Amino acid sequence: MSKPRLTVDELNAFKKQLQVLRDRLIAKVSNLEAEALRAPDQTAFEPGEEPPAHEADPANRVAEDAVAITILDSEEQVLADTVAALERIERGVFGNCEQCNHAIGRQRLEAVPYARFCITCAKQAEASSKATNSSK
């Protein structure tokens, strides 16, 4: 594969898409942080709604908190990847695989605009990760 031949218009479109995604993720991460880190007795209630006298299922609360933290971690990673993609645009290397330096296909960039690797290197990294995890 060769270097990507993204036009200025395509780069600007990806930049705008990434900026919108970044802004949305910043808001979402902020909300998830507030939810995941709230005190156990600070559950959100509608105005005029009374909180329950006791929490019916503490195990359910623990499970909900674990899910919120997992989602928060995932969203923070996508946010970091999005910010890194915007930095790659500024450095003039957006669309190049960080592993092999070949072009990342347009279809992949359209699906995952913050992609760091071409599909071949991404599959290799995933296979390597699975092999490492299964040997533990």
Foldseek 3Di string as FASTA:
>chain_A
DAADDQDPVRLVVLLVVLVVLLVVLVVVLVVLCCVLPPDPVPDDDDVPDDDDPDDPDVVVVVVVSVVSVVVSVVSVVLNVLSVVLNVCSVVVLRQAAPPPRHGADPVVCVVRVSDNHHPVVVVVVVVVVVVVVVVD
